[in-house]
Amino acid sequence: SPASFLPASEKYNIVTSIDRWVISHTMEWLSSDPVCKGWP
């Protein structure tokens, strides 16, 4: 669960890297998955 790793990532200032990972992978999924392209 993120409750187990996000507090430490915030404390050690690496949470922005995790946010980047999420944004990048979400946008990649949204742009490449044929189901998502037509899904409102």
ModelCIF file with pLDDT and N, C-alpha, C, O atoms, coordinates in Angstrom:
data_MODEL
#
_entry.id   MODEL 
#
_entity.id                         1 
_entity.type                       polymer 
_entity.pdbx_number_of_molecules   1 
#
_entity_poly.entity_id                      1 
_entity_poly.type                           'polypeptide(L)' 
_entity_poly.nstd_linkage                   no 
_entity_poly.nstd_monomer                   no 
_entity_poly.pdbx_seq_one_letter_code       SPASFLPASEKYNIVTSIDRWVISHTMEWLSSDPVCKGWP 
_entity_poly.pdbx_seq_one_letter_code_can   SPASFLPASEKYNIVTSIDRWVISHTMEWLSSDPVCKGWP 
_entity_poly.pdbx_strand_id                 A 
#
loop_
_entity_poly_seq.entity_id 
_entity_poly_seq.num 
_entity_poly_seq.mon_id 
_entity_poly_seq.hetero 
1 1  SER n 
1 2  PRO n 
1 3  ALA n 
1 4  SER n 
1 5  PHE n 
1 6  LEU n 
1 7  PRO n 
1 8  ALA n 
1 9  SER n 
1 10 GLU n 
1 11 LYS n 
1 12 TYR n 
1 13 ASN n 
1 14 ILE n 
1 15 VAL n 
1 16 THR n 
1 17 SER n 
1 18 ILE n 
1 19 ASP n 
1 20 ARG n 
1 21 TRP n 
1 22 VAL n 
1 23 ILE n 
1 24 SER n 
1 25 HIS n 
1 26 THR n 
1 27 MET n 
1 28 GLU n 
1 29 TRP n 
1 30 LEU n 
1 31 SER n 
1 32 SER n 
1 33 ASP n 
1 34 PRO n 
1 35 VAL n 
1 36 CYS n 
1 37 LYS n 
1 38 GLY n 
1 39 TRP n 
1 40 PRO n 
#
_struct_asym.id          A 
_struct_asym.entity_id   1 
#
loop_
_ma_qa_metric.id 
_ma_qa_metric.mode 
_ma_qa_metric.name 
_ma_qa_metric.software_group_id 
_ma_qa_metric.type 
1 global pLDDT . pLDDT 
2 local  pLDDT . pLDDT 
#
_ma_qa_metric_global.metric_id      1 
_ma_qa_metric_global.metric_value   87.90 
_ma_qa_metric_global.model_id       1 
_ma_qa_metric_global.ordinal_id     1 
#
loop_
_ma_qa_metric_local.label_asym_id 
_ma_qa_metric_local.label_comp_id 
_ma_qa_metric_local.label_seq_id 
_ma_qa_metric_local.metric_id 
_ma_qa_metric_local.metric_value 
_ma_qa_metric_local.model_id 
_ma_qa_metric_local.ordinal_id 
A SER 1  2 94.00 1 1  
A PRO 2  2 94.00 1 2  
A ALA 3  2 93.00 1 3  
A SER 4  2 94.00 1 4  
A PHE 5  2 93.00 1 5  
A LEU 6  2 93.00 1 6  
A PRO 7  2 92.00 1 7  
A ALA 8  2 93.00 1 8  
A SER 9  2 93.00 1 9  
A GLU 10 2 91.00 1 10 
A LYS 11 2 93.00 1 11 
A TYR 12 2 94.00 1 12 
A ASN 13 2 91.00 1 13 
A ILE 14 2 94.00 1 14 
A VAL 15 2 95.00 1 15 
A THR 16 2 96.00 1 16 
A SER 17 2 96.00 1 17 
A ILE 18 2 96.00 1 18 
A ASP 19 2 97.00 1 19 
A ARG 20 2 97.00 1 20 
A TRP 21 2 97.00 1 21 
A VAL 22 2 98.00 1 22 
A ILE 23 2 98.00 1 23 
A SER 24 2 97.00 1 24 
A HIS 25 2 96.00 1 25 
A THR 26 2 95.00 1 26 
A MET 27 2 95.00 1 27 
A GLU 28 2 93.00 1 28 
A TRP 29 2 90.00 1 29 
A LEU 30 2 88.00 1 30 
A SER 31 2 88.00 1 31 
A SER 32 2 84.00 1 32 
A ASP 33 2 70.00 1 33 
A PRO 34 2 59.00 1 34 
A VAL 35 2 62.00 1 35 
A CYS 36 2 62.00 1 36 
A LYS 37 2 62.00 1 37 
A GLY 38 2 63.00 1 38 
A TRP 39 2 69.00 1 39 
A PRO 40 2 71.00 1 40 
#
loop_
_atom_site.group_PDB 
_atom_site.id 
_atom_site.type_symbol 
_atom_site.label_atom_id 
_atom_site.label_alt_id 
_atom_site.label_comp_id 
_atom_site.label_asym_id 
_atom_site.label_entity_id 
_atom_site.label_seq_id 
_atom_site.pdbx_PDB_ins_code 
_atom_site.Cartn_x 
_atom_site.Cartn_y 
_atom_site.Cartn_z 
_atom_site.occupancy 
_atom_site.B_iso_or_equiv 
_atom_site.pdbx_formal_charge 
_atom_site.auth_seq_id 
_atom_site.auth_comp_id 
_atom_site.auth_asym_id 
_atom_site.auth_atom_id 
_atom_site.pdbx_PDB_model_num 
ATOM 1   N N  . SER A 1 1  ? 0.835   -1.202 0.000   1.00 94.00 ? 1  SER A N  1 
ATOM 2   C CA . SER A 1 1  ? 0.000   0.000  0.000   1.00 94.00 ? 1  SER A CA 1 
ATOM 3   C C  . SER A 1 1  ? 0.873   1.258  0.000   1.00 94.00 ? 1  SER A C  1 
ATOM 4   O O  . SER A 1 1  ? 1.962   1.253  0.575   1.00 94.00 ? 1  SER A O  1 
ATOM 5   N N  . PRO A 1 2  ? 0.407   2.332  -0.638  1.00 94.00 ? 2  PRO A N  1 
ATOM 6   C CA . PRO A 1 2  ? 1.179   3.577  -0.620  1.00 94.00 ? 2  PRO A CA 1 
ATOM 7   C C  . PRO A 1 2  ? 1.349   4.143  0.793   1.00 94.00 ? 2  PRO A C  1 
ATOM 8   O O  . PRO A 1 2  ? 2.283   4.906  1.038   1.00 94.00 ? 2  PRO A O  1 
ATOM 9   N N  . ALA A 1 3  ? 0.481   3.788  1.703   1.00 93.00 ? 3  ALA A N  1 
ATOM 10  C CA . ALA A 1 3  ? 0.638   4.249  3.090   1.00 93.00 ? 3  ALA A CA 1 
ATOM 11  C C  . ALA A 1 3  ? 1.943   3.734  3.693   1.00 93.00 ? 3  ALA A C  1 
ATOM 12  O O  . ALA A 1 3  ? 2.453   4.298  4.660   1.00 93.00 ? 3  ALA A O  1 
ATOM 13  N N  . SER A 1 4  ? 2.478   2.661  3.116   1.00 94.00 ? 4  SER A N  1 
ATOM 14  C CA . SER A 1 4  ? 3.723   2.087  3.620   1.00 94.00 ? 4  SER A CA 1 
ATOM 15  C C  . SER A 1 4  ? 4.972   2.714  3.009   1.00 94.00 ? 4  SER A C  1 
ATOM 16  O O  . SER A 1 4  ? 6.042   2.638  3.613   1.00 94.00 ? 4  SER A O  1 
ATOM 17  N N  . PHE A 1 5  ? 4.874   3.333  1.829   1.00 93.00 ? 5  PHE A N  1 
ATOM 18  C CA . PHE A 1 5  ? 6.084   3.883  1.207   1.00 93.00 ? 5  PHE A CA 1 
ATOM 19  C C  . PHE A 1 5  ? 6.025   5.374  0.897   1.00 93.00 ? 5  PHE A C  1 
ATOM 20  O O  . PHE A 1 5  ? 7.076   6.002  0.768   1.00 93.00 ? 5  PHE A O  1 
ATOM 21  N N  . LEU A 1 6  ? 4.841   5.963  0.771   1.00 93.00 ? 6  LEU A N  1 
ATOM 22  C CA . LEU A 1 6  ? 4.785   7.392  0.434   1.00 93.00 ? 6  LEU A CA 1 
ATOM 23  C C  . LEU A 1 6  ? 5.284   8.308  1.556   1.00 93.00 ? 6  LEU A C  1 
ATOM 24  O O  . LEU A 1 6  ? 5.968   9.287  1.257   1.00 93.00 ? 6  LEU A O  1 
ATOM 25  N N  . PRO A 1 7  ? 4.980   8.041  2.828   1.00 92.00 ? 7  PRO A N  1 
ATOM 26  C CA . PRO A 1 7  ? 5.526   8.925  3.869   1.00 92.00 ? 7  PRO A CA 1 
ATOM 27  C C  . PRO A 1 7  ? 7.057   9.004  3.834   1.00 92.00 ? 7  PRO A C  1 
ATOM 28  O O  . PRO A 1 7  ? 7.620   10.087 3.995   1.00 92.00 ? 7  PRO A O  1 
ATOM 29  N N  . ALA A 1 8  ? 7.724   7.885  3.629   1.00 93.00 ? 8  ALA A N  1 
ATOM 30  C CA . ALA A 1 8  ? 9.190   7.891  3.545   1.00 93.00 ? 8  ALA A CA 1 
ATOM 31  C C  . ALA A 1 8  ? 9.660   8.632  2.297   1.00 93.00 ? 8  ALA A C  1 
ATOM 32  O O  . ALA A 1 8  ? 10.664  9.344  2.332   1.00 93.00 ? 8  ALA A O  1 
ATOM 33  N N  . SER A 1 9  ? 8.926   8.462  1.187   1.00 93.00 ? 9  SER A N  1 
ATOM 34  C CA . SER A 1 9  ? 9.331   9.148  -0.043  1.00 93.00 ? 9  SER A CA 1 
ATOM 35  C C  . SER A 1 9  ? 9.187   10.667 0.107   1.00 93.00 ? 9  SER A C  1 
ATOM 36  O O  . SER A 1 9  ? 9.965   11.429 -0.468  1.00 93.00 ? 9  SER A O  1 
ATOM 37  N N  . GLU A 1 10 ? 8.194   11.095 0.878   1.00 91.00 ? 10 GLU A N  1 
ATOM 38  C CA . GLU A 1 10 ? 8.043   12.529 1.142   1.00 91.00 ? 10 GLU A CA 1 
ATOM 39  C C  . GLU A 1 10 ? 9.158   13.031 2.052   1.00 91.00 ? 10 GLU A C  1 
ATOM 40  O O  . GLU A 1 10 ? 9.733   14.097 1.827   1.00 91.00 ? 10 GLU A O  1 
ATOM 41  N N  . LYS A 1 11 ? 9.450   12.249 3.076   1.00 93.00 ? 11 LYS A N  1 
ATOM 42  C CA . LYS A 1 11 ? 10.487  12.631 4.040   1.00 93.00 ? 11 LYS A CA 1 
ATOM 43  C C  . LYS A 1 11 ? 11.844  12.782 3.366   1.00 93.00 ? 11 LYS A C  1 
ATOM 44  O O  . LYS A 1 11 ? 12.602  13.694 3.696   1.00 93.00 ? 11 LYS A O  1 
ATOM 45  N N  . TYR A 1 12 ? 12.156  11.896 2.426   1.00 94.00 ? 12 TYR A N  1 
ATOM 46  C CA . TYR A 1 12 ? 13.458  11.915 1.767   1.00 94.00 ? 12 TYR A CA 1 
ATOM 47  C C  . TYR A 1 12 ? 13.422  12.614 0.400   1.00 94.00 ? 12 TYR A C  1 
ATOM 48  O O  . TYR A 1 12 ? 14.337  12.467 -0.410  1.00 94.00 ? 12 TYR A O  1 
ATOM 49  N N  . ASN A 1 13 ? 12.360  13.365 0.165   1.00 91.00 ? 13 ASN A N  1 
ATOM 50  C CA . ASN A 1 13 ? 12.224  14.213 -1.031  1.00 91.00 ? 13 ASN A CA 1 
ATOM 51  C C  . ASN A 1 13 ? 12.370  13.458 -2.348  1.00 91.00 ? 13 ASN A C  1 
ATOM 52  O O  . ASN A 1 13 ? 13.019  13.935 -3.279  1.00 91.00 ? 13 ASN A O  1 
ATOM 53  N N  . ILE A 1 14 ? 11.758  12.269 -2.417  1.00 94.00 ? 14 ILE A N  1 
ATOM 54  C CA . ILE A 1 14 ? 11.750  11.540 -3.690  1.00 94.00 ? 14 ILE A CA 1 
ATOM 55  C C  . ILE A 1 14 ? 10.330  11.332 -4.211  1.00 94.00 ? 14 ILE A C  1 
ATOM 56  O O  . ILE A 1 14 ? 10.128  10.641 -5.209  1.00 94.00 ? 14 ILE A O  1 
ATOM 57  N N  . VAL A 1 15 ? 9.358   11.921 -3.543  1.00 95.00 ? 15 VAL A N  1 
ATOM 58  C CA . VAL A 1 15 ? 7.973   11.737 -3.954  1.00 95.00 ? 15 VAL A CA 1 
ATOM 59  C C  . VAL A 1 15 ? 7.700   12.358 -5.325  1.00 95.00 ? 15 VAL A C  1 
ATOM 60  O O  . VAL A 1 15 ? 6.833   11.881 -6.057  1.00 95.00 ? 15 VAL A O  1 
ATOM 61  N N  . THR A 1 16 ? 8.427   13.408 -5.674  1.00 96.00 ? 16 THR A N  1 
ATOM 62  C CA . THR A 1 16 ? 8.246   14.011 -6.992  1.00 96.00 ? 16 THR A CA 1 
ATOM 63  C C  . THR A 1 16 ? 8.644   13.028 -8.091  1.00 96.00 ? 16 THR A C  1 
ATOM 64  O O  . THR A 1 16 ? 8.018   12.997 -9.150  1.00 96.00 ? 16 THR A O  1 
ATOM 65  N N  . SER A 1 17 ? 9.673   12.231 -7.846  1.00 96.00 ? 17 SER A N  1 
ATOM 66  C CA . SER A 1 17 ? 10.069  11.204 -8.819  1.00 96.00 ? 17 SER A CA 1 
ATOM 67  C C  . SER A 1 17 ? 8.966   10.166 -8.984  1.00 96.00 ? 17 SER A C  1 
ATOM 68  O O  . SER A 1 17 ? 8.718   9.683  -10.088 1.00 96.00 ? 17 SER A O  1 
ATOM 69  N N  . ILE A 1 18 ? 8.313   9.832  -7.895  1.00 96.00 ? 18 ILE A N  1 
ATOM 70  C CA . ILE A 1 18 ? 7.199   8.883  -7.968  1.00 96.00 ? 18 ILE A CA 1 
ATOM 71  C C  . ILE A 1 18 ? 6.036   9.503  -8.728  1.00 96.00 ? 18 ILE A C  1 
ATOM 72  O O  . ILE A 1 18 ? 5.405   8.831  -9.544  1.00 96.00 ? 18 ILE A O  1 
ATOM 73  N N  . ASP A 1 19 ? 5.745   10.771 -8.471  1.00 97.00 ? 19 ASP A N  1 
ATOM 74  C CA . ASP A 1 19 ? 4.689   11.462 -9.218  1.00 97.00 ? 19 ASP A CA 1 
ATOM 75  C C  . ASP A 1 19 ? 5.000   11.459 -10.716 1.00 97.00 ? 19 ASP A C  1 
ATOM 76  O O  . ASP A 1 19 ? 4.102   11.257 -11.533 1.00 97.00 ? 19 ASP A O  1 
ATOM 77  N N  . ARG A 1 20 ? 6.249   11.678 -11.073 1.00 97.00 ? 20 ARG A N  1 
ATOM 78  C CA . ARG A 1 20 ? 6.643   11.649 -12.481 1.00 97.00 ? 20 ARG A CA 1 
ATOM 79  C C  . ARG A 1 20 ? 6.379   10.270 -13.089 1.00 97.00 ? 20 ARG A C  1 
ATOM 80  O O  . ARG A 1 20 ? 5.887   10.164 -14.212 1.00 97.00 ? 20 ARG A O  1 
ATOM 81  N N  . TRP A 1 21 ? 6.706   9.221  -12.343 1.00 97.00 ? 21 TRP A N  1 
ATOM 82  C CA . TRP A 1 21 ? 6.489   7.858  -12.825 1.00 97.00 ? 21 TRP A CA 1 
ATOM 83  C C  . TRP A 1 21 ? 5.006   7.634  -13.096 1.00 97.00 ? 21 TRP A C  1 
ATOM 84  O O  . TRP A 1 21 ? 4.629   7.094  -14.137 1.00 97.00 ? 21 TRP A O  1 
ATOM 85  N N  . VAL A 1 22 ? 4.174   8.052  -12.157 1.00 98.00 ? 22 VAL A N  1 
ATOM 86  C CA . VAL A 1 22 ? 2.723   7.863  -12.305 1.00 98.00 ? 22 VAL A CA 1 
ATOM 87  C C  . VAL A 1 22 ? 2.197   8.645  -13.507 1.00 98.00 ? 22 VAL A C  1 
ATOM 88  O O  . VAL A 1 22 ? 1.441   8.103  -14.315 1.00 98.00 ? 22 VAL A O  1 
ATOM 89  N N  . ILE A 1 23 ? 2.586   9.898  -13.630 1.00 98.00 ? 23 ILE A N  1 
ATOM 90  C CA . ILE A 1 23 ? 2.121   10.730 -14.742 1.00 98.00 ? 23 ILE A CA 1 
ATOM 91  C C  . ILE A 1 23 ? 2.565   10.135 -16.075 1.00 98.00 ? 23 ILE A C  1 
ATOM 92  O O  . ILE A 1 23 ? 1.765   10.000 -17.001 1.00 98.00 ? 23 ILE A O  1 
ATOM 93  N N  . SER A 1 24 ? 3.828   9.787  -16.161 1.00 97.00 ? 24 SER A N  1 
ATOM 94  C CA . SER A 1 24 ? 4.370   9.234  -17.398 1.00 97.00 ? 24 SER A CA 1 
ATOM 95  C C  . SER A 1 24 ? 3.660   7.948  -17.801 1.00 97.00 ? 24 SER A C  1 
ATOM 96  O O  . SER A 1 24 ? 3.256   7.799  -18.954 1.00 97.00 ? 24 SER A O  1 
ATOM 97  N N  . HIS A 1 25 ? 3.507   7.024  -16.867 1.00 96.00 ? 25 HIS A N  1 
ATOM 98  C CA . HIS A 1 25 ? 2.877   5.741  -17.187 1.00 96.00 ? 25 HIS A CA 1 
ATOM 99  C C  . HIS A 1 25 ? 1.376   5.891  -17.465 1.00 96.00 ? 25 HIS A C  1 
ATOM 100 O O  . HIS A 1 25 ? 0.829   5.177  -18.305 1.00 96.00 ? 25 HIS A O  1 
ATOM 101 N N  . THR A 1 26 ? 0.723   6.798  -16.775 1.00 95.00 ? 26 THR A N  1 
ATOM 102 C CA . THR A 1 26 ? -0.699  7.018  -17.025 1.00 95.00 ? 26 THR A CA 1 
ATOM 103 C C  . THR A 1 26 ? -0.919  7.610  -18.416 1.00 95.00 ? 26 THR A C  1 
ATOM 104 O O  . THR A 1 26 ? -1.784  7.149  -19.160 1.00 95.00 ? 26 THR A O  1 
ATOM 105 N N  . MET A 1 27 ? -0.147  8.617  -18.759 1.00 95.00 ? 27 MET A N  1 
ATOM 106 C CA . MET A 1 27 ? -0.310  9.233  -20.087 1.00 95.00 ? 27 MET A CA 1 
ATOM 107 C C  . MET A 1 27 ? 0.090   8.257  -21.190 1.00 95.00 ? 27 MET A C  1 
ATOM 108 O O  . MET A 1 27 ? -0.534  8.230  -22.251 1.00 95.00 ? 27 MET A O  1 
ATOM 109 N N  . GLU A 1 28 ? 1.116   7.467  -20.946 1.00 93.00 ? 28 GLU A N  1 
ATOM 110 C CA . GLU A 1 28 ? 1.518   6.460  -21.937 1.00 93.00 ? 28 GLU A CA 1 
ATOM 111 C C  . GLU A 1 28 ? 0.391   5.450  -22.160 1.00 93.00 ? 28 GLU A C  1 
ATOM 112 O O  . GLU A 1 28 ? 0.084   5.096  -23.298 1.00 93.00 ? 28 GLU A O  1 
ATOM 113 N N  . TRP A 1 29 ? -0.219  4.990  -21.068 1.00 90.00 ? 29 TRP A N  1 
ATOM 114 C CA . TRP A 1 29 ? -1.334  4.043  -21.167 1.00 90.00 ? 29 TRP A CA 1 
ATOM 115 C C  . TRP A 1 29 ? -2.505  4.672  -21.911 1.00 90.00 ? 29 TRP A C  1 
ATOM 116 O O  . TRP A 1 29 ? -3.098  4.056  -22.797 1.00 90.00 ? 29 TRP A O  1 
ATOM 117 N N  . LEU A 1 30 ? -2.826  5.897  -21.540 1.00 88.00 ? 30 LEU A N  1 
ATOM 118 C CA . LEU A 1 30 ? -3.963  6.580  -22.142 1.00 88.00 ? 30 LEU A CA 1 
ATOM 119 C C  . LEU A 1 30 ? -3.756  6.810  -23.640 1.00 88.00 ? 30 LEU A C  1 
ATOM 120 O O  . LEU A 1 30 ? -4.710  6.751  -24.416 1.00 88.00 ? 30 LEU A O  1 
ATOM 121 N N  . SER A 1 31 ? -2.527  7.068  -24.040 1.00 88.00 ? 31 SER A N  1 
ATOM 122 C CA . SER A 1 31 ? -2.276  7.350  -25.457 1.00 88.00 ? 31 SER A CA 1 
ATOM 123 C C  . SER A 1 31 ? -2.085  6.102  -26.303 1.00 88.00 ? 31 SER A C  1 
ATOM 124 O O  . SER A 1 31 ? -2.289  6.147  -27.516 1.00 88.00 ? 31 SER A O  1 
ATOM 125 N N  . SER A 1 32 ? -1.692  4.976  -25.684 1.00 84.00 ? 32 SER A N  1 
ATOM 126 C CA . SER A 1 32 ? -1.359  3.800  -26.483 1.00 84.00 ? 32 SER A CA 1 
ATOM 127 C C  . SER A 1 32 ? -2.419  2.708  -26.476 1.00 84.00 ? 32 SER A C  1 
ATOM 128 O O  . SER A 1 32 ? -2.446  1.878  -27.384 1.00 84.00 ? 32 SER A O  1 
ATOM 129 N N  . ASP A 1 33 ? -3.285  2.689  -25.483 1.00 70.00 ? 33 ASP A N  1 
ATOM 130 C CA . ASP A 1 33 ? -4.294  1.635  -25.385 1.00 70.00 ? 33 ASP A CA 1 
ATOM 131 C C  . ASP A 1 33 ? -5.467  1.977  -26.302 1.00 70.00 ? 33 ASP A C  1 
ATOM 132 O O  . ASP A 1 33 ? -6.124  2.999  -26.104 1.00 70.00 ? 33 ASP A O  1 
ATOM 133 N N  . PRO A 1 34 ? -5.743  1.122  -27.319 1.00 59.00 ? 34 PRO A N  1 
ATOM 134 C CA . PRO A 1 34 ? -6.828  1.428  -28.255 1.00 59.00 ? 34 PRO A CA 1 
ATOM 135 C C  . PRO A 1 34 ? -8.186  1.565  -27.579 1.00 59.00 ? 34 PRO A C  1 
ATOM 136 O O  . PRO A 1 34 ? -9.035  2.318  -28.055 1.00 59.00 ? 34 PRO A O  1 
ATOM 137 N N  . VAL A 1 35 ? -8.403  0.854  -26.484 1.00 62.00 ? 35 VAL A N  1 
ATOM 138 C CA . VAL A 1 35 ? -9.678  0.966  -25.767 1.00 62.00 ? 35 VAL A CA 1 
ATOM 139 C C  . VAL A 1 35 ? -9.803  2.354  -25.155 1.00 62.00 ? 35 VAL A C  1 
ATOM 140 O O  . VAL A 1 35 ? -10.870 2.965  -25.212 1.00 62.00 ? 35 VAL A O  1 
ATOM 141 N N  . CYS A 1 36 ? -8.715  2.856  -24.568 1.00 62.00 ? 36 CYS A N  1 
ATOM 142 C CA . CYS A 1 36 ? -8.746  4.173  -23.919 1.00 62.00 ? 36 CYS A CA 1 
ATOM 143 C C  . CYS A 1 36 ? -8.973  5.301  -24.906 1.00 62.00 ? 36 CYS A C  1 
ATOM 144 O O  . CYS A 1 36 ? -9.627  6.294  -24.588 1.00 62.00 ? 36 CYS A O  1 
ATOM 145 N N  . LYS A 1 37 ? -8.425  5.145  -26.114 1.00 62.00 ? 37 LYS A N  1 
ATOM 146 C CA . LYS A 1 37 ? -8.533  6.230  -27.094 1.00 62.00 ? 37 LYS A CA 1 
ATOM 147 C C  . LYS A 1 37 ? -9.985  6.558  -27.426 1.00 62.00 ? 37 LYS A C  1 
ATOM 148 O O  . LYS A 1 37 ? -10.316 7.721  -27.656 1.00 62.00 ? 37 LYS A O  1 
ATOM 149 N N  . GLY A 1 38 ? -10.849 5.560  -27.453 1.00 63.00 ? 38 GLY A N  1 
ATOM 150 C CA . GLY A 1 38 ? -12.244 5.810  -27.780 1.00 63.00 ? 38 GLY A CA 1 
ATOM 151 C C  . GLY A 1 38 ? -13.156 5.853  -26.576 1.00 63.00 ? 38 GLY A C  1 
ATOM 152 O O  . GLY A 1 38 ? -14.364 6.052  -26.709 1.00 63.00 ? 38 GLY A O  1 
ATOM 153 N N  . TRP A 1 39 ? -12.586 5.667  -25.410 1.00 69.00 ? 39 TRP A N  1 
ATOM 154 C CA . TRP A 1 39 ? -13.366 5.595  -24.186 1.00 69.00 ? 39 TRP A CA 1 
ATOM 155 C C  . TRP A 1 39 ? -13.505 6.982  -23.581 1.00 69.00 ? 39 TRP A C  1 
ATOM 156 O O  . TRP A 1 39 ? -12.490 7.616  -23.290 1.00 69.00 ? 39 TRP A O  1 
ATOM 157 N N  . PRO A 1 40 ? -14.713 7.476  -23.383 1.00 71.00 ? 40 PRO A N  1 
ATOM 158 C CA . PRO A 1 40 ? -14.867 8.812  -22.795 1.00 71.00 ? 40 PRO A CA 1 
ATOM 159 C C  . PRO A 1 40 ? -14.573 8.760  -21.297 1.00 71.00 ? 40 PRO A C  1 
ATOM 160 O O  . PRO A 1 40 ? -14.648 9.783  -20.617 1.00 71.00 ? 40 PRO A O  1 
#
